[in-house]
Protein backbone atom coordinates (compact mmCIF):
# COMPACT_ATOMS: atom_id res chain seq x y z
CA UNK A 1 153.05 92.69 102.74
CA UNK A 2 151.50 94.89 100.04
CA UNK A 3 151.83 92.04 97.59
CA UNK A 4 149.92 89.65 99.87
CA UNK A 5 147.17 92.26 100.34
CA UNK A 6 146.85 92.71 96.57
CA UNK A 7 146.60 88.94 96.08
CA UNK A 8 143.95 88.66 98.79
CA UNK A 9 141.93 91.53 97.26
CA UNK A 10 142.17 89.89 93.83
CA UNK A 11 140.99 86.57 95.29
CA UNK A 12 138.08 88.29 97.06
CA UNK A 13 137.04 90.05 93.84
CA UNK A 14 137.30 86.79 91.87
CA UNK A 15 135.24 85.01 94.52
CA UNK A 16 132.59 87.75 94.44
CA UNK A 17 132.40 87.55 90.64
CA UNK A 18 132.02 83.78 90.90
CA UNK A 19 129.14 84.18 93.35
CA UNK A 20 127.41 86.69 91.06
CA UNK A 21 127.85 84.41 88.04
CA UNK A 22 126.53 81.36 89.87
CA UNK A 23 123.50 83.27 91.19
CA UNK A 24 122.75 84.50 87.67
CA UNK A 25 122.96 80.97 86.32
CA UNK A 26 120.75 79.63 89.14
CA UNK A 27 118.08 82.26 88.39
CA UNK A 28 118.22 81.53 84.67
CA UNK A 29 117.89 77.79 85.25
CA UNK A 30 115.02 78.29 87.68
CA UNK A 31 113.13 80.33 85.08
CA UNK A 32 113.75 77.64 82.49
CA UNK A 33 112.55 74.99 84.93
CA UNK A 34 109.30 76.87 85.56
CA UNK A 35 108.69 77.30 81.82
CA UNK A 36 109.16 73.56 81.29
CA UNK A 37 106.78 72.78 84.15
CA UNK A 38 104.13 75.00 82.54
CA UNK A 39 104.74 73.27 79.20
CA UNK A 40 104.36 69.85 80.85
CA UNK A 41 101.08 70.95 82.42
CA UNK A 42 99.80 72.18 79.04
CA UNK A 43 100.78 68.86 77.46
CA UNK A 44 98.90 66.96 80.18
CA UNK A 45 95.77 69.02 79.46
CA UNK A 46 96.14 68.36 75.73
CA UNK A 47 96.63 64.62 76.41
CA UNK A 48 93.39 64.53 78.40
CA UNK A 49 91.54 66.29 75.58
CA UNK A 50 92.93 63.85 73.03
CA UNK A 51 91.88 60.86 75.13
CA UNK A 52 88.36 62.30 75.38
CA UNK A 53 88.29 62.89 71.63
CA UNK A 54 89.49 59.34 70.95
CA UNK A 55 86.79 57.85 73.16
CA UNK A 56 84.18 59.95 71.32
CA UNK A 57 85.37 58.82 67.88
CA UNK A 58 85.46 55.15 68.91
CA UNK A 59 81.95 54.82 70.36
CA UNK A 60 80.09 51.72 69.22
CA UNK A 61 77.18 53.69 67.74
CA UNK A 62 79.47 55.90 65.65
CA UNK A 63 81.46 52.96 64.31
CA UNK A 64 78.26 51.10 63.42
CA UNK A 65 76.80 54.15 61.66
CA UNK A 66 79.99 54.63 59.62
CA UNK A 67 80.02 50.93 58.72
CA UNK A 68 76.44 51.15 57.44
CA UNK A 69 76.71 54.52 55.67
CA UNK A 70 80.21 54.59 54.21
CA UNK A 71 81.01 50.91 53.81
CA UNK A 72 77.45 49.75 53.11
CA UNK A 73 77.82 46.98 55.66
CA UNK A 74 74.86 45.23 57.24
CA UNK A 75 74.21 42.63 59.89
CA UNK A 76 74.34 39.06 58.57
CA UNK A 77 71.06 37.25 58.17
CA UNK A 78 70.24 34.24 60.27
CA UNK A 79 72.09 31.22 58.99
CA UNK A 80 75.05 33.29 57.76
CA UNK A 81 76.72 33.27 61.17
CA UNK A 82 79.01 30.40 62.06
CA UNK A 83 80.05 30.04 65.69
CA UNK A 84 83.42 28.35 66.26
CA UNK A 85 84.01 26.85 69.68
CA UNK A 86 87.58 26.72 71.01
CA UNK A 87 89.06 23.29 71.58
CA UNK A 88 90.08 22.44 75.11
């Protein structure tokens, strides 16, 4: 009878330790999950900023100004443009 009681106490202690360990792991994983959610939110904000920056850099006026200033490009004179019609 004493032996059965000792086994039951040992099983109860092991079960309690298992509960404590699983709760600790659940709390740790929840903290990690929240950190990753915050990181994802920060990346979404950065993505929006990068899209805005890209649209600013690619405006027609800016591209035309760079073409004129840096590449010394100019609009073709009349008669230098050839329009090609697609065949149907």
